[in-house]
Amino acid sequence: MTVTAQGPQAERLVLCTVAEIPDQGGLGFTIGEGTAAEHIFVLRFGARIYGYRNSCPHIGTPLDLIPGEFLTWDKSHILCRTHGARFRIHDGLCVSGPCLGKRLAPLALERAGDEVVMIGPPA
């Protein structure tokens, strides 16, 4: 899904509604266009929403070789499908794989009613 931020609203960008994110699943987004595009994703576990830049700290590849597939089969970790790195969902820390100890870049998110809003640019 592509989302474009313009003008003063660029500091607060509505990504989607909570209901659009599958429970125990995720959605990927492209913010902007061309070489300035940023790739991000959000995950939902019940009422909790988590968001990260869609870039593995190992070599910068997107985590979801299959679009929208960000989690291990048991939904216990975020998975980089390129090299198998596993990340904790709540803080993006790599707990196994080639980037052990590194973290995914988090997004500043908030819920505004039923909307998921990104605050500022991706980290």
PDB file of N, CA and C in Angstrom:
ATOM      1  N   MET A   1       0.850  -1.158   0.000  1.00  0.00           N
ATOM      2  CA  MET A   1       0.000   0.000   0.000  1.00  0.00           C
ATOM      3  C   MET A   1       0.904   1.232   0.000  1.00  0.00           C
ATOM      4  N   THR A   2       0.642   2.204  -0.868  1.00  0.00           N
ATOM      5  CA  THR A   2       1.427   3.429  -0.939  1.00  0.00           C
ATOM      6  C   THR A   2       0.670   4.557  -0.258  1.00  0.00           C
ATOM      7  N   VAL A   3       1.392   5.274   0.614  1.00  0.00           N
ATOM      8  CA  VAL A   3       0.823   6.404   1.331  1.00  0.00           C
ATOM      9  C   VAL A   3       1.728   7.592   1.074  1.00  0.00           C
ATOM     10  N   THR A   4       1.156   8.745   0.756  1.00  0.00           N
ATOM     11  CA  THR A   4       1.961   9.924   0.489  1.00  0.00           C
ATOM     12  C   THR A   4       1.627  11.012   1.501  1.00  0.00           C
ATOM     13  N   ALA A   5       2.691  11.548   2.113  1.00  0.00           N
ATOM     14  CA  ALA A   5       2.533  12.636   3.072  1.00  0.00           C
ATOM     15  C   ALA A   5       2.939  13.933   2.398  1.00  0.00           C
ATOM     16  N   GLN A   6       2.129  14.970   2.584  1.00  0.00           N
ATOM     17  CA  GLN A   6       2.435  16.259   1.993  1.00  0.00           C
ATOM     18  C   GLN A   6       2.103  17.362   2.972  1.00  0.00           C
ATOM     19  N   GLY A   7       2.841  18.472   2.880  1.00  0.00           N
ATOM     20  CA  GLY A   7       2.547  19.664   3.663  1.00  0.00           C
ATOM     21  C   GLY A   7       2.646  19.436   5.158  1.00  0.00           C
ATOM     22  N   PRO A   8       1.910  20.232   5.949  1.00  0.00           N
ATOM     23  CA  PRO A   8       2.010  20.170   7.406  1.00  0.00           C
ATOM     24  C   PRO A   8       1.574  18.828   7.984  1.00  0.00           C
ATOM     25  N   GLN A   9       0.772  18.062   7.246  1.00  0.00           N
ATOM     26  CA  GLN A   9       0.328  16.767   7.732  1.00  0.00           C
ATOM     27  C   GLN A   9       1.432  15.717   7.665  1.00  0.00           C
ATOM     28  N   ALA A  10       2.588  16.049   7.045  1.00  0.00           N
ATOM     29  CA  ALA A  10       3.674  15.081   6.914  1.00  0.00           C
ATOM     30  C   ALA A  10       4.176  14.615   8.274  1.00  0.00           C
ATOM     31  N   GLU A  11       3.944  15.400   9.334  1.00  0.00           N
ATOM     32  CA  GLU A  11       4.372  14.998  10.675  1.00  0.00           C
ATOM     33  C   GLU A  11       3.467  13.923  11.263  1.00  0.00           C
ATOM     34  N   ARG A  12       2.235  13.840  10.797  1.00  0.00           N
ATOM     35  CA  ARG A  12       1.259  12.848  11.262  1.00  0.00           C
ATOM     36  C   ARG A  12       0.615  12.234  10.029  1.00  0.00           C
ATOM     37  N   LEU A  13       0.861  10.961   9.826  1.00  0.00           N
ATOM     38  CA  LEU A  13       0.389  10.311   8.629  1.00  0.00           C
ATOM     39  C   LEU A  13      -0.491   9.125   8.992  1.00  0.00           C
ATOM     40  N   VAL A  14      -1.769   9.167   8.585  1.00  0.00           N
ATOM     41  CA  VAL A  14      -2.673   8.048   8.814  1.00  0.00           C
ATOM     42  C   VAL A  14      -2.268   6.932   7.858  1.00  0.00           C
ATOM     43  N   LEU A  15      -1.927   5.776   8.424  1.00  0.00           N
ATOM     44  CA  LEU A  15      -1.509   4.634   7.616  1.00  0.00           C
ATOM     45  C   LEU A  15      -2.695   3.758   7.214  1.00  0.00           C
ATOM     46  N   CYS A  16      -3.575   3.485   8.179  1.00  0.00           N
ATOM     47  CA  CYS A  16      -4.686   2.572   7.938  1.00  0.00           C
ATOM     48  C   CYS A  16      -5.587   2.593   9.162  1.00  0.00           C
ATOM     49  N   THR A  17      -6.627   1.795   9.131  1.00  0.00           N
ATOM     50  CA  THR A  17      -7.423   1.583  10.335  1.00  0.00           C
ATOM     51  C   THR A  17      -6.886   0.335  11.033  1.00  0.00           C
ATOM     52  N   VAL A  18      -7.171   0.221  12.305  1.00  0.00           N
ATOM     53  CA  VAL A  18      -6.743  -0.948  13.072  1.00  0.00           C
ATOM     54  C   VAL A  18      -7.319  -2.215  12.443  1.00  0.00           C
ATOM     55  N   ALA A  19      -8.567  -2.167  12.025  1.00  0.00           N
ATOM     56  CA  ALA A  19      -9.242  -3.342  11.468  1.00  0.00           C
ATOM     57  C   ALA A  19      -8.600  -3.830  10.166  1.00  0.00           C
ATOM     58  N   GLU A  20      -7.890  -2.961   9.454  1.00  0.00           N
ATOM     59  CA  GLU A  20      -7.239  -3.376   8.210  1.00  0.00           C
ATOM     60  C   GLU A  20      -6.010  -4.256   8.452  1.00  0.00           C
ATOM     61  N   ILE A  21      -5.478  -4.222   9.657  1.00  0.00           N
ATOM     62  CA  ILE A  21      -4.320  -5.053   9.981  1.00  0.00           C
ATOM     63  C   ILE A  21      -4.850  -6.362  10.555  1.00  0.00           C
ATOM     64  N   PRO A  22      -4.531  -7.480   9.943  1.00  0.00           N
ATOM     65  CA  PRO A  22      -5.024  -8.753  10.497  1.00  0.00           C
ATOM     66  C   PRO A  22      -4.480  -8.972  11.907  1.00  0.00           C
ATOM     67  N   ASP A  23      -5.328  -9.469  12.808  1.00  0.00           N
ATOM     68  CA  ASP A  23      -4.841  -9.775  14.155  1.00  0.00           C
ATOM     69  C   ASP A  23      -3.769 -10.859  14.037  1.00  0.00           C
ATOM     70  N   GLN A  24      -2.651 -10.654  14.717  1.00  0.00           N
ATOM     71  CA  GLN A  24      -1.468 -11.505  14.627  1.00  0.00           C
ATOM     72  C   GLN A  24      -0.938 -11.551  13.196  1.00  0.00           C
ATOM     73  N   GLY A  25      -0.982 -10.387  12.549  1.00  0.00           N
ATOM     74  CA  GLY A  25      -0.482 -10.252  11.189  1.00  0.00           C
ATOM     75  C   GLY A  25      -0.007  -8.847  10.940  1.00  0.00           C
ATOM     76  N   GLY A  26       0.332  -8.555   9.706  1.00  0.00           N
ATOM     77  CA  GLY A  26       0.887  -7.253   9.395  1.00  0.00           C
ATOM     78  C   GLY A  26       0.495  -6.738   8.032  1.00  0.00           C
ATOM     79  N   LEU A  27       0.821  -5.454   7.832  1.00  0.00           N
ATOM     80  CA  LEU A  27       0.636  -4.770   6.557  1.00  0.00           C
ATOM     81  C   LEU A  27       1.906  -4.000   6.241  1.00  0.00           C
ATOM     82  N   GLY A  28       2.320  -4.033   4.982  1.00  0.00           N
ATOM     83  CA  GLY A  28       3.456  -3.240   4.534  1.00  0.00           C
ATOM     84  C   GLY A  28       2.976  -1.994   3.815  1.00  0.00           C
ATOM     85  N   PHE A  29       3.785  -0.940   3.879  1.00  0.00           N
ATOM     86  CA  PHE A  29       3.454   0.341   3.256  1.00  0.00           C
ATOM     87  C   PHE A  29       4.689   0.917   2.591  1.00  0.00           C
ATOM     88  N   THR A  30       4.459   1.693   1.547  1.00  0.00           N
ATOM     89  CA  THR A  30       5.506   2.509   0.940  1.00  0.00           C
ATOM     90  C   THR A  30       5.108   3.957   1.156  1.00  0.00           C
ATOM     91  N   ILE A  31       5.993   4.700   1.812  1.00  0.00           N
ATOM     92  CA  ILE A  31       5.755   6.118   2.079  1.00  0.00           C
ATOM     93  C   ILE A  31       6.568   6.909   1.069  1.00  0.00           C
ATOM     94  N   GLY A  32       5.906   7.716   0.241  1.00  0.00           N
ATOM     95  CA  GLY A  32       6.602   8.495  -0.773  1.00  0.00           C
ATOM     96  C   GLY A  32       6.788   7.705  -2.056  1.00  0.00           C
ATOM     97  N   GLU A  33       7.630   8.274  -2.936  1.00  0.00           N
ATOM     98  CA  GLU A  33       7.815   7.669  -4.253  1.00  0.00           C
ATOM     99  C   GLU A  33       9.272   7.708  -4.678  1.00  0.00           C
ATOM    100  N   GLY A  34       9.596   6.887  -5.659  1.00  0.00           N
ATOM    101  CA  GLY A  34      10.928   6.895  -6.265  1.00  0.00           C
ATOM    102  C   GLY A  34      12.028   6.569  -5.278  1.00  0.00           C
ATOM    103  N   THR A  35      13.166   7.236  -5.436  1.00  0.00           N
ATOM    104  CA  THR A  35      14.321   6.964  -4.575  1.00  0.00           C
ATOM    105  C   THR A  35      14.115   7.454  -3.152  1.00  0.00           C
ATOM    106  N   ALA A  36      13.134   8.322  -2.936  1.00  0.00           N
ATOM    107  CA  ALA A  36      12.842   8.825  -1.584  1.00  0.00           C
ATOM    108  C   ALA A  36      11.843   7.936  -0.845  1.00  0.00           C
ATOM    109  N   ALA A  37      11.380   6.879  -1.486  1.00  0.00           N
ATOM    110  CA  ALA A  37      10.373   6.014  -0.870  1.00  0.00           C
ATOM    111  C   ALA A  37      10.939   5.312   0.362  1.00  0.00           C
ATOM    112  N   GLU A  38      10.124   5.205   1.393  1.00  0.00           N
ATOM    113  CA  GLU A  38      10.446   4.477   2.620  1.00  0.00           C
ATOM    114  C   GLU A  38       9.495   3.293   2.721  1.00  0.00           C
ATOM    115  N   HIS A  39      10.026   2.128   3.058  1.00  0.00           N
ATOM    116  CA  HIS A  39       9.211   0.932   3.197  1.00  0.00           C
ATOM    117  C   HIS A  39       9.099   0.593   4.675  1.00  0.00           C
ATOM    118  N   ILE A  40       7.869   0.453   5.135  1.00  0.00           N
ATOM    119  CA  ILE A  40       7.602   0.217   6.554  1.00  0.00           C
ATOM    120  C   ILE A  40       6.557  -0.890   6.683  1.00  0.00           C
ATOM    121  N   PHE A  41       6.357  -1.364   7.919  1.00  0.00           N
ATOM    122  CA  PHE A  41       5.266  -2.311   8.167  1.00  0.00           C
ATOM    123  C   PHE A  41       4.748  -2.124   9.580  1.00  0.00           C
ATOM    124  N   VAL A  42       3.497  -2.513   9.757  1.00  0.00           N
ATOM    125  CA  VAL A  42       2.863  -2.495  11.072  1.00  0.00           C
ATOM    126  C   VAL A  42       2.303  -3.884  11.357  1.00  0.00           C
ATOM    127  N   LEU A  43       2.309  -4.247  12.638  1.00  0.00           N
ATOM    128  CA  LEU A  43       1.790  -5.525  13.108  1.00  0.00           C
ATOM    129  C   LEU A  43       0.724  -5.255  14.153  1.00  0.00           C
ATOM    130  N   ARG A  44      -0.230  -6.162  14.271  1.00  0.00           N
ATOM    131  CA  ARG A  44      -1.256  -6.023  15.314  1.00  0.00           C
ATOM    132  C   ARG A  44      -1.388  -7.335  16.061  1.00  0.00           C
ATOM    133  N   PHE A  45      -1.407  -7.213  17.376  1.00  0.00           N
ATOM    134  CA  PHE A  45      -1.680  -8.331  18.275  1.00  0.00           C
ATOM    135  C   PHE A  45      -2.746  -7.839  19.237  1.00  0.00           C
ATOM    136  N   GLY A  46      -4.005  -8.151  18.936  1.00  0.00           N
ATOM    137  CA  GLY A  46      -5.111  -7.634  19.727  1.00  0.00           C
ATOM    138  C   GLY A  46      -5.151  -6.122  19.596  1.00  0.00           C
ATOM    139  N   ALA A  47      -5.069  -5.426  20.727  1.00  0.00           N
ATOM    140  CA  ALA A  47      -5.109  -3.968  20.726  1.00  0.00           C
ATOM    141  C   ALA A  47      -3.727  -3.340  20.522  1.00  0.00           C
ATOM    142  N   ARG A  48      -2.676  -4.138  20.558  1.00  0.00           N
ATOM    143  CA  ARG A  48      -1.312  -3.599  20.447  1.00  0.00           C
ATOM    144  C   ARG A  48      -0.873  -3.513  18.986  1.00  0.00           C
ATOM    145  N   ILE A  49      -0.272  -2.365  18.658  1.00  0.00           N
ATOM    146  CA  ILE A  49       0.223  -2.107  17.313  1.00  0.00           C
ATOM    147  C   ILE A  49       1.726  -1.834  17.410  1.00  0.00           C
ATOM    148  N   TYR A  50       2.494  -2.458  16.517  1.00  0.00           N
ATOM    149  CA  TYR A  50       3.942  -2.266  16.454  1.00  0.00           C
ATOM    150  C   TYR A  50       4.296  -1.891  15.017  1.00  0.00           C
ATOM    151  N   GLY A  51       5.312  -1.064  14.843  1.00  0.00           N
ATOM    152  CA  GLY A  51       5.720  -0.690  13.500  1.00  0.00           C
ATOM    153  C   GLY A  51       7.225  -0.544  13.383  1.00  0.00           C
ATOM    154  N   TYR A  52       7.743  -0.937  12.217  1.00  0.00           N
ATOM    155  CA  TYR A  52       9.177  -0.886  11.957  1.00  0.00           C
ATOM    156  C   TYR A  52       9.435  -0.551  10.494  1.00  0.00           C
ATOM    157  N   ARG A  53      10.645  -0.069  10.240  1.00  0.00           N
ATOM    158  CA  ARG A  53      11.114   0.081   8.866  1.00  0.00           C
ATOM    159  C   ARG A  53      11.280  -1.328   8.293  1.00  0.00           C
ATOM    160  N   ASN A  54      10.884  -1.518   7.064  1.00  0.00           N
ATOM    161  CA  ASN A  54      10.957  -2.838   6.429  1.00  0.00           C
ATOM    162  C   ASN A  54      12.346  -3.026   5.812  1.00  0.00           C
ATOM    163  N   SER A  55      13.333  -3.166   6.686  1.00  0.00           N
ATOM    164  CA  SER A  55      14.716  -3.314   6.255  1.00  0.00           C
ATOM    165  C   SER A  55      15.471  -4.115   7.305  1.00  0.00           C
ATOM    166  N   CYS A  56      15.999  -5.262   6.919  1.00  0.00           N
ATOM    167  CA  CYS A  56      16.763  -6.093   7.848  1.00  0.00           C
ATOM    168  C   CYS A  56      18.097  -5.410   8.159  1.00  0.00           C
ATOM    169  N   PRO A  57      18.491  -5.337   9.428  1.00  0.00           N
ATOM    170  CA  PRO A  57      19.767  -4.700   9.762  1.00  0.00           C
ATOM    171  C   PRO A  57      20.983  -5.480   9.263  1.00  0.00           C
ATOM    172  N   HIS A  58      20.786  -6.685   8.776  1.00  0.00           N
ATOM    173  CA  HIS A  58      21.899  -7.482   8.257  1.00  0.00           C
ATOM    174  C   HIS A  58      22.440  -6.879   6.959  1.00  0.00           C
ATOM    175  N   ILE A  59      21.606  -6.808   5.926  1.00  0.00           N
ATOM    176  CA  ILE A  59      22.064  -6.214   4.658  1.00  0.00           C
ATOM    177  C   ILE A  59      21.034  -5.284   4.017  1.00  0.00           C
ATOM    178  N   GLY A  60      19.984  -4.943   4.745  1.00  0.00           N
ATOM    179  CA  GLY A  60      19.027  -3.953   4.258  1.00  0.00           C
ATOM    180  C   GLY A  60      17.926  -4.471   3.352  1.00  0.00           C
ATOM    181  N   THR A  61      17.809  -5.782   3.200  1.00  0.00           N
ATOM    182  CA  THR A  61      16.743  -6.312   2.355  1.00  0.00           C
ATOM    183  C   THR A  61      15.397  -6.206   3.060  1.00  0.00           C
ATOM    184  N   PRO A  62      14.298  -6.151   2.293  1.00  0.00           N
ATOM    185  CA  PRO A  62      12.977  -6.184   2.933  1.00  0.00           C
ATOM    186  C   PRO A  62      12.794  -7.505   3.674  1.00  0.00           C
ATOM    187  N   LEU A  63      12.036  -7.468   4.742  1.00  0.00           N
ATOM    188  CA  LEU A  63      11.801  -8.670   5.538  1.00  0.00           C
ATOM    189  C   LEU A  63      10.822  -9.618   4.869  1.00  0.00           C
ATOM    190  N   ASP A  64       9.894  -9.081   4.109  1.00  0.00           N
ATOM    191  CA  ASP A  64       8.800  -9.889   3.550  1.00  0.00           C
ATOM    192  C   ASP A  64       9.022 -10.214   2.075  1.00  0.00           C
ATOM    193  N   LEU A  65       9.731 -11.286   1.804  1.00  0.00           N
ATOM    194  CA  LEU A  65       9.858 -11.715   0.409  1.00  0.00           C
ATOM    195  C   LEU A  65       8.497 -12.081  -0.156  1.00  0.00           C
ATOM    196  N   ILE A  66       7.609 -12.541   0.691  1.00  0.00           N
ATOM    197  CA  ILE A  66       6.210 -12.747   0.330  1.00  0.00           C
ATOM    198  C   ILE A  66       5.473 -11.527   0.892  1.00  0.00           C
ATOM    199  N   PRO A  67       4.942 -10.637   0.046  1.00  0.00           N
ATOM    200  CA  PRO A  67       4.354  -9.393   0.537  1.00  0.00           C
ATOM    201  C   PRO A  67       3.382  -9.602   1.704  1.00  0.00           C
ATOM    202  N   GLY A  68       3.610  -8.844   2.774  1.00  0.00           N
ATOM    203  CA  GLY A  68       2.741  -8.884   3.939  1.00  0.00           C
ATOM    204  C   GLY A  68       3.035 -10.000   4.919  1.00  0.00           C
ATOM    205  N   GLU A  69       3.986 -10.889   4.620  1.00  0.00           N
ATOM    206  CA  GLU A  69       4.334 -12.003   5.510  1.00  0.00           C
ATOM    207  C   GLU A  69       5.556 -11.606   6.335  1.00  0.00           C
ATOM    208  N   PHE A  70       5.321 -11.116   7.547  1.00  0.00           N
ATOM    209  CA  PHE A  70       6.389 -10.605   8.395  1.00  0.00           C
ATOM    210  C   PHE A  70       6.689 -11.488   9.599  1.00  0.00           C
ATOM    211  N   LEU A  71       5.886 -12.507   9.847  1.00  0.00           N
ATOM    212  CA  LEU A  71       5.998 -13.277  11.085  1.00  0.00           C
ATOM    213  C   LEU A  71       6.383 -14.731  10.824  1.00  0.00           C
ATOM    214  N   THR A  72       6.950 -15.351  11.867  1.00  0.00           N
ATOM    215  CA  THR A  72       7.217 -16.777  11.813  1.00  0.00           C
ATOM    216  C   THR A  72       5.880 -17.521  11.750  1.00  0.00           C
ATOM    217  N   TRP A  73       5.921 -18.783  11.399  1.00  0.00           N
ATOM    218  CA  TRP A  73       4.685 -19.564  11.248  1.00  0.00           C
ATOM    219  C   TRP A  73       3.858 -19.599  12.524  1.00  0.00           C
ATOM    220  N   ASP A  74       4.549 -19.571  13.701  1.00  0.00           N
ATOM    221  CA  ASP A  74       3.812 -19.604  14.966  1.00  0.00           C
ATOM    222  C   ASP A  74       3.485 -18.213  15.512  1.00  0.00           C
ATOM    223  N   LYS A  75       3.835 -17.188  14.743  1.00  0.00           N
ATOM    224  CA  LYS A  75       3.531 -15.786  15.064  1.00  0.00           C
ATOM    225  C   LYS A  75       4.240 -15.295  16.334  1.00  0.00           C
ATOM    226  N   SER A  76       5.348 -15.930  16.685  1.00  0.00           N
ATOM    227  CA  SER A  76       6.071 -15.562  17.899  1.00  0.00           C
ATOM    228  C   SER A  76       7.178 -14.541  17.654  1.00  0.00           C
ATOM    229  N   HIS A  77       7.627 -14.379  16.408  1.00  0.00           N
ATOM    230  CA  HIS A  77       8.715 -13.456  16.072  1.00  0.00           C
ATOM    231  C   HIS A  77       8.496 -12.855  14.691  1.00  0.00           C
ATOM    232  N   ILE A  78       9.133 -11.716  14.468  1.00  0.00           N
ATOM    233  CA  ILE A  78       9.243 -11.148  13.131  1.00  0.00           C
ATOM    234  C   ILE A  78      10.364 -11.930  12.439  1.00  0.00           C
ATOM    235  N   LEU A  79      10.182 -12.252  11.168  1.00  0.00           N
ATOM    236  CA  LEU A  79      11.136 -13.077  10.443  1.00  0.00           C
ATOM    237  C   LEU A  79      11.629 -12.370   9.194  1.00  0.00           C
ATOM    238  N   CYS A  80      12.955 -12.313   9.023  1.00  0.00           N
ATOM    239  CA  CYS A  80      13.529 -11.882   7.754  1.00  0.00           C
ATOM    240  C   CYS A  80      13.607 -13.121   6.879  1.00  0.00           C
ATOM    241  N   ARG A  81      12.859 -13.126   5.813  1.00  0.00           N
ATOM    242  CA  ARG A  81      12.786 -14.309   4.960  1.00  0.00           C
ATOM    243  C   ARG A  81      14.000 -14.449   4.046  1.00  0.00           C
ATOM    244  N   THR A  82      14.897 -13.476   4.034  1.00  0.00           N
ATOM    245  CA  THR A  82      16.105 -13.607   3.227  1.00  0.00           C
ATOM    246  C   THR A  82      17.124 -14.516   3.905  1.00  0.00           C
ATOM    247  N   HIS A  83      17.424 -14.258   5.189  1.00  0.00           N
ATOM    248  CA  HIS A  83      18.454 -15.029   5.886  1.00  0.00           C
ATOM    249  C   HIS A  83      17.967 -15.695   7.164  1.00  0.00           C
ATOM    250  N   GLY A  84      16.671 -15.602   7.451  1.00  0.00           N
ATOM    251  CA  GLY A  84      16.116 -16.305   8.603  1.00  0.00           C
ATOM    252  C   GLY A  84      16.296 -15.628   9.945  1.00  0.00           C
ATOM    253  N   ALA A  85      16.736 -14.377   9.974  1.00  0.00           N
ATOM    254  CA  ALA A  85      16.866 -13.670  11.253  1.00  0.00           C
ATOM    255  C   ALA A  85      15.500 -13.547  11.910  1.00  0.00           C
ATOM    256  N   ARG A  86      15.475 -13.688  13.241  1.00  0.00           N
ATOM    257  CA  ARG A  86      14.235 -13.560  14.013  1.00  0.00           C
ATOM    258  C   ARG A  86      14.370 -12.379  14.966  1.00  0.00           C
ATOM    259  N   PHE A  87      13.292 -11.603  15.060  1.00  0.00           N
ATOM    260  CA  PHE A  87      13.270 -10.393  15.868  1.00  0.00           C
ATOM    261  C   PHE A  87      12.098 -10.454  16.840  1.00  0.00           C
ATOM    262  N   ARG A  88      12.316  -9.939  18.053  1.00  0.00           N
ATOM    263  CA  ARG A  88      11.203  -9.844  19.003  1.00  0.00           C
ATOM    264  C   ARG A  88      10.196  -8.835  18.476  1.00  0.00           C
ATOM    265  N   ILE A  89       8.939  -9.147  18.652  1.00  0.00           N
ATOM    266  CA  ILE A  89       7.875  -8.295  18.136  1.00  0.00           C
ATOM    267  C   ILE A  89       7.808  -6.968  18.890  1.00  0.00           C
ATOM    268  N   HIS A  90       7.944  -7.000  20.209  1.00  0.00           N
ATOM    269  CA  HIS A  90       7.704  -5.796  21.007  1.00  0.00           C
ATOM    270  C   HIS A  90       8.815  -4.755  20.928  1.00  0.00           C
ATOM    271  N   ASP A  91      10.047  -5.138  20.540  1.00  0.00           N
ATOM    272  CA  ASP A  91      11.116  -4.134  20.483  1.00  0.00           C
ATOM    273  C   ASP A  91      12.053  -4.282  19.282  1.00  0.00           C
ATOM    274  N   GLY A  92      11.813  -5.252  18.403  1.00  0.00           N
ATOM    275  CA  GLY A  92      12.606  -5.393  17.189  1.00  0.00           C
ATOM    276  C   GLY A  92      14.015  -5.928  17.372  1.00  0.00           C
ATOM    277  N   LEU A  93      14.355  -6.440  18.556  1.00  0.00           N
ATOM    278  CA  LEU A  93      15.694  -6.964  18.811  1.00  0.00           C
ATOM    279  C   LEU A  93      15.872  -8.301  18.095  1.00  0.00           C
ATOM    280  N   CYS A  94      16.990  -8.445  17.376  1.00  0.00           N
ATOM    281  CA  CYS A  94      17.291  -9.709  16.702  1.00  0.00           C
ATOM    282  C   CYS A  94      17.788 -10.709  17.737  1.00  0.00           C
ATOM    283  N   VAL A  95      17.098 -11.841  17.824  1.00  0.00           N
ATOM    284  CA  VAL A  95      17.437 -12.870  18.811  1.00  0.00           C
ATOM    285  C   VAL A  95      18.071 -14.104  18.179  1.00  0.00           C
ATOM    286  N   SER A  96      18.069 -14.178  16.844  1.00  0.00           N
ATOM    287  CA  SER A  96      18.791 -15.245  16.161  1.00  0.00           C
ATOM    288  C   SER A  96      19.017 -14.840  14.713  1.00  0.00           C
ATOM    289  N   GLY A  97      20.108 -15.332  14.154  1.00  0.00           N
ATOM    290  CA  GLY A  97      20.421 -15.028  12.766  1.00  0.00           C
ATOM    291  C   GLY A  97      21.651 -14.160  12.633  1.00  0.00           C
ATOM    292  N   PRO A  98      21.944 -13.721  11.411  1.00  0.00           N
ATOM    293  CA  PRO A  98      23.200 -13.018  11.131  1.00  0.00           C
ATOM    294  C   PRO A  98      23.299 -11.610  11.713  1.00  0.00           C
ATOM    295  N   CYS A  99      22.219 -11.059  12.210  1.00  0.00           N
ATOM    296  CA  CYS A  99      22.277  -9.713  12.797  1.00  0.00           C
ATOM    297  C   CYS A  99      21.974  -9.755  14.292  1.00  0.00           C
ATOM    298  N   LEU A 100      22.331 -10.834  14.948  1.00  0.00           N
ATOM    299  CA  LEU A 100      22.081 -11.041  16.373  1.00  0.00           C
ATOM    300  C   LEU A 100      22.484  -9.809  17.187  1.00  0.00           C
ATOM    301  N   GLY A 101      21.548  -9.338  18.029  1.00  0.00           N
ATOM    302  CA  GLY A 101      21.810  -8.189  18.888  1.00  0.00           C
ATOM    303  C   GLY A 101      21.474  -6.845  18.266  1.00  0.00           C
ATOM    304  N   LYS A 102      21.265  -6.779  16.947  1.00  0.00           N
ATOM    305  CA  LYS A 102      20.855  -5.528  16.302  1.00  0.00           C
ATOM    306  C   LYS A 102      19.336  -5.423  16.364  1.00  0.00           C
ATOM    307  N   ARG A 103      18.826  -4.243  16.015  1.00  0.00           N
ATOM    308  CA  ARG A 103      17.383  -4.000  16.098  1.00  0.00           C
ATOM    309  C   ARG A 103      16.824  -3.478  14.787  1.00  0.00           C
ATOM    310  N   LEU A 104      15.555  -3.779  14.580  1.00  0.00           N
ATOM    311  CA  LEU A 104      14.810  -3.135  13.513  1.00  0.00           C
ATOM    312  C   LEU A 104      14.587  -1.685  13.909  1.00  0.00           C
ATOM    313  N   ALA A 105      14.511  -0.788  12.924  1.00  0.00           N
ATOM    314  CA  ALA A 105      14.255   0.629  13.193  1.00  0.00           C
ATOM    315  C   ALA A 105      12.770   0.817  13.483  1.00  0.00           C
ATOM    316  N   PRO A 106      12.418   1.271  14.705  1.00  0.00           N
ATOM    317  CA  PRO A 106      11.002   1.391  15.073  1.00  0.00           C
ATOM    318  C   PRO A 106      10.336   2.632  14.479  1.00  0.00           C
ATOM    319  N   LEU A 107       9.023   2.566  14.384  1.00  0.00           N
ATOM    320  CA  LEU A 107       8.215   3.713  13.982  1.00  0.00           C
ATOM    321  C   LEU A 107       7.543   4.287  15.212  1.00  0.00           C
ATOM    322  N   ALA A 108       7.369   5.588  15.231  1.00  0.00           N
ATOM    323  CA  ALA A 108       6.569   6.231  16.278  1.00  0.00           C
ATOM    324  C   ALA A 108       5.119   6.179  15.799  1.00  0.00           C
ATOM    325  N   LEU A 109       4.318   5.374  16.490  1.00  0.00           N
ATOM    326  CA  LEU A 109       2.920   5.190  16.114  1.00  0.00           C
ATOM    327  C   LEU A 109       2.004   5.579  17.253  1.00  0.00           C
ATOM    328  N   GLU A 110       0.802   5.961  16.901  1.00  0.00           N
ATOM    329  CA  GLU A 110      -0.252   6.134  17.903  1.00  0.00           C
ATOM    330  C   GLU A 110      -1.571   5.743  17.271  1.00  0.00           C
ATOM    331  N   ARG A 111      -2.510   5.419  18.139  1.00  0.00           N
ATOM    332  CA  ARG A 111      -3.874   5.152  17.686  1.00  0.00           C
ATOM    333  C   ARG A 111      -4.689   6.402  17.895  1.00  0.00           C
ATOM    334  N   ALA A 112      -5.424   6.792  16.875  1.00  0.00           N
ATOM    335  CA  ALA A 112      -6.341   7.924  16.956  1.00  0.00           C
ATOM    336  C   ALA A 112      -7.711   7.373  16.590  1.00  0.00           C
ATOM    337  N   GLY A 113      -8.455   6.991  17.620  1.00  0.00           N
ATOM    338  CA  GLY A 113      -9.727   6.309  17.367  1.00  0.00           C
ATOM    339  C   GLY A 113      -9.433   4.958  16.753  1.00  0.00           C
ATOM    340  N   ASP A 114      -9.946   4.717  15.560  1.00  0.00           N
ATOM    341  CA  ASP A 114      -9.678   3.435  14.897  1.00  0.00           C
ATOM    342  C   ASP A 114      -8.556   3.533  13.868  1.00  0.00           C
ATOM    343  N   GLU A 115      -7.847   4.660  13.818  1.00  0.00           N
ATOM    344  CA  GLU A 115      -6.779   4.849  12.849  1.00  0.00           C
ATOM    345  C   GLU A 115      -5.402   4.623  13.467  1.00  0.00           C
ATOM    346  N   VAL A 116      -4.475   4.114  12.649  1.00  0.00           N
ATOM    347  CA  VAL A 116      -3.076   3.972  13.037  1.00  0.00           C
ATOM    348  C   VAL A 116      -2.328   5.121  12.380  1.00  0.00           C
ATOM    349  N   VAL A 117      -1.679   5.949  13.204  1.00  0.00           N
ATOM    350  CA  VAL A 117      -1.028   7.158  12.737  1.00  0.00           C
ATOM    351  C   VAL A 117       0.475   7.075  13.007  1.00  0.00           C
ATOM    352  N   MET A 118       1.273   7.372  11.986  1.00  0.00           N
ATOM    353  CA  MET A 118       2.715   7.451  12.156  1.00  0.00           C
ATOM    354  C   MET A 118       3.062   8.901  12.462  1.00  0.00           C
ATOM    355  N   ILE A 119       3.880   9.090  13.494  1.00  0.00           N
ATOM    356  CA  ILE A 119       4.296  10.416  13.920  1.00  0.00           C
ATOM    357  C   ILE A 119       5.703  10.648  13.412  1.00  0.00           C
ATOM    358  N   GLY A 120       5.888  11.633  12.548  1.00  0.00           N
ATOM    359  CA  GLY A 120       7.213  11.946  11.994  1.00  0.00           C
ATOM    360  C   GLY A 120       7.650  10.901  10.979  1.00  0.00           C
ATOM    361  N   PRO A 121       8.858  11.081  10.448  1.00  0.00           N
ATOM    362  CA  PRO A 121       9.372  10.140   9.442  1.00  0.00           C
ATOM    363  C   PRO A 121       9.837   8.845  10.098  1.00  0.00           C
ATOM    364  N   PRO A 122       9.993   7.759   9.301  1.00  0.00           N
ATOM    365  CA  PRO A 122      10.547   6.530   9.868  1.00  0.00           C
ATOM    366  C   PRO A 122      11.920   6.765  10.466  1.00  0.00           C
ATOM    367  N   ALA A 123      12.239   6.040  11.530  1.00  0.00           N
ATOM    368  CA  ALA A 123      13.531   6.197  12.217  1.00  0.00           C
ATOM    369  C   ALA A 123      14.681   5.788  11.334  1.00  0.00           C
TER     370      ALA A 123
END
